[in-house]
Amino acid sequence: MHAPPPLPSGVQINVGTMSAGEEGEAPDPEFRRRIEELAAREDFGGEESQRELRDLVSDAVSGLTHEGQGPVSRRRLG
């Protein structure tokens, strides 16, 4: 086994475990719907679908609002 490379300056990683019941809120059903909708498309492996998937993941990870439209999890893709 090799040691992992050092972390960049200012980056810290904390590893631990969670007790039962610490998982927080249930997953957003709107995100689930959007993921399932993308996965069901015939062109899921295509460039446009993959771009939409990347956008969806970015929305989920960022948790930011977009142009004052409320949480991104409630915003619909065009």
C-alpha atoms as a PDB file:
ATOM      1  CA  MET A   1       0.000   0.000   0.000  1.00  0.00           C
ATOM      2  CA  HIS A   2       1.113   3.506  -0.776  1.00  0.00           C
ATOM      3  CA  ALA A   3       0.354   6.581   1.280  1.00  0.00           C
ATOM      4  CA  PRO A   4      -1.987   9.041  -0.451  1.00  0.00           C
ATOM      5  CA  PRO A   5      -0.506  12.278  -1.754  1.00  0.00           C
ATOM      6  CA  PRO A   6      -0.506  15.221   0.662  1.00  0.00           C
ATOM      7  CA  LEU A   7      -3.565  17.471   0.744  1.00  0.00           C
ATOM      8  CA  PRO A   8      -3.380  20.944  -0.766  1.00  0.00           C
ATOM      9  CA  SER A   9      -2.815  23.816   1.622  1.00  0.00           C
ATOM     10  CA  GLY A  10      -5.989  24.730   3.506  1.00  0.00           C
ATOM     11  CA  VAL A  11      -7.746  21.397   2.841  1.00  0.00           C
ATOM     12  CA  GLN A  12      -8.740  19.226   5.779  1.00  0.00           C
ATOM     13  CA  ILE A  13     -10.501  15.859   5.759  1.00  0.00           C
ATOM     14  CA  ASN A  14     -12.355  14.474   8.767  1.00  0.00           C
ATOM     15  CA  VAL A  15     -13.393  10.822   8.673  1.00  0.00           C
ATOM     16  CA  GLY A  16     -15.886   9.348  11.062  1.00  0.00           C
ATOM     17  CA  THR A  17     -19.048   7.314  11.390  1.00  0.00           C
ATOM     18  CA  MET A  18     -22.665   8.258  11.895  1.00  0.00           C
ATOM     19  CA  SER A  19     -25.066   6.759  14.369  1.00  0.00           C
ATOM     20  CA  ALA A  20     -28.465   5.544  13.261  1.00  0.00           C
ATOM     21  CA  GLY A  21     -30.808   8.510  12.926  1.00  0.00           C
ATOM     22  CA  GLU A  22     -28.062  11.034  12.110  1.00  0.00           C
ATOM     23  CA  GLU A  23     -28.636  10.936   8.369  1.00  0.00           C
ATOM     24  CA  GLY A  24     -30.547  14.201   8.361  1.00  0.00           C
ATOM     25  CA  GLU A  25     -33.295  15.005   5.893  1.00  0.00           C
ATOM     26  CA  ALA A  26     -34.663  12.505   3.398  1.00  0.00           C
ATOM     27  CA  PRO A  27     -33.363  12.852  -0.167  1.00  0.00           C
ATOM     28  CA  ASP A  28     -35.183  15.470  -2.205  1.00  0.00           C
ATOM     29  CA  PRO A  29     -37.879  13.723  -4.293  1.00  0.00           C
ATOM     30  CA  GLU A  30     -37.463  16.346  -7.046  1.00  0.00           C
ATOM     31  CA  PHE A  31     -33.783  15.422  -7.483  1.00  0.00           C
ATOM     32  CA  ARG A  32     -34.728  11.757  -7.578  1.00  0.00           C
ATOM     33  CA  ARG A  33     -37.352  12.442 -10.260  1.00  0.00           C
ATOM     34  CA  ARG A  34     -34.866  14.426 -12.356  1.00  0.00           C
ATOM     35  CA  ILE A  35     -32.222  11.696 -12.070  1.00  0.00           C
ATOM     36  CA  GLU A  36     -34.699   8.964 -13.041  1.00  0.00           C
ATOM     37  CA  GLU A  37     -35.951  11.069 -15.948  1.00  0.00           C
ATOM     38  CA  LEU A  38     -32.405  11.518 -17.266  1.00  0.00           C
ATOM     39  CA  ALA A  39     -31.519   7.836 -16.778  1.00  0.00           C
ATOM     40  CA  ALA A  40     -34.613   6.728 -18.717  1.00  0.00           C
ATOM     41  CA  ARG A  41     -33.671   8.711 -21.826  1.00  0.00           C
ATOM     42  CA  GLU A  42     -32.503   6.767 -24.855  1.00  0.00           C
ATOM     43  CA  ASP A  43     -29.656   9.234 -25.331  1.00  0.00           C
ATOM     44  CA  PHE A  44     -28.451   9.015 -21.698  1.00  0.00           C
ATOM     45  CA  GLY A  45     -24.890   8.342 -22.860  1.00  0.00           C
ATOM     46  CA  GLY A  46     -25.031  11.259 -25.288  1.00  0.00           C
ATOM     47  CA  GLU A  47     -23.277  14.567 -24.849  1.00  0.00           C
ATOM     48  CA  GLU A  48     -26.394  16.630 -24.055  1.00  0.00           C
ATOM     49  CA  SER A  49     -27.741  14.165 -21.478  1.00  0.00           C
ATOM     50  CA  GLN A  50     -24.368  13.923 -19.803  1.00  0.00           C
ATOM     51  CA  ARG A  51     -24.145  17.731 -19.647  1.00  0.00           C
ATOM     52  CA  GLU A  52     -27.575  17.835 -18.006  1.00  0.00           C
ATOM     53  CA  LEU A  53     -26.462  15.149 -15.537  1.00  0.00           C
ATOM     54  CA  ARG A  54     -23.349  17.173 -14.668  1.00  0.00           C
ATOM     55  CA  ASP A  55     -25.545  20.246 -14.146  1.00  0.00           C
ATOM     56  CA  LEU A  56     -27.862  18.260 -11.900  1.00  0.00           C
ATOM     57  CA  VAL A  57     -24.966  16.954  -9.824  1.00  0.00           C
ATOM     58  CA  SER A  58     -23.527  20.467  -9.576  1.00  0.00           C
ATOM     59  CA  ASP A  59     -26.913  21.724  -8.363  1.00  0.00           C
ATOM     60  CA  ALA A  60     -27.109  18.971  -5.751  1.00  0.00           C
ATOM     61  CA  VAL A  61     -23.585  19.554  -4.488  1.00  0.00           C
ATOM     62  CA  SER A  62     -23.703  23.334  -4.450  1.00  0.00           C
ATOM     63  CA  GLY A  63     -27.031  23.680  -2.645  1.00  0.00           C
ATOM     64  CA  LEU A  64     -27.082  27.288  -3.802  1.00  0.00           C
ATOM     65  CA  THR A  65     -29.986  29.235  -5.193  1.00  0.00           C
ATOM     66  CA  HIS A  66     -30.051  30.240  -8.845  1.00  0.00           C
ATOM     67  CA  GLU A  67     -31.062  33.717  -9.936  1.00  0.00           C
ATOM     68  CA  GLY A  68     -33.439  34.172  -7.011  1.00  0.00           C
ATOM     69  CA  GLN A  69     -35.592  31.226  -8.073  1.00  0.00           C
ATOM     70  CA  GLY A  70     -35.353  29.463  -4.720  1.00  0.00           C
ATOM     71  CA  PRO A  71     -33.428  26.297  -3.930  1.00  0.00           C
ATOM     72  CA  VAL A  72     -32.082  24.583  -7.025  1.00  0.00           C
ATOM     73  CA  SER A  73     -33.734  21.333  -5.973  1.00  0.00           C
ATOM     74  CA  ARG A  74     -37.087  22.974  -6.696  1.00  0.00           C
ATOM     75  CA  ARG A  75     -36.036  24.544  -9.995  1.00  0.00           C
ATOM     76  CA  ARG A  76     -36.929  22.704 -13.191  1.00  0.00           C
ATOM     77  CA  LEU A  77     -34.530  22.213 -16.066  1.00  0.00           C
ATOM     78  CA  GLY A  78     -35.757  23.743 -19.318  1.00  0.00           C
END
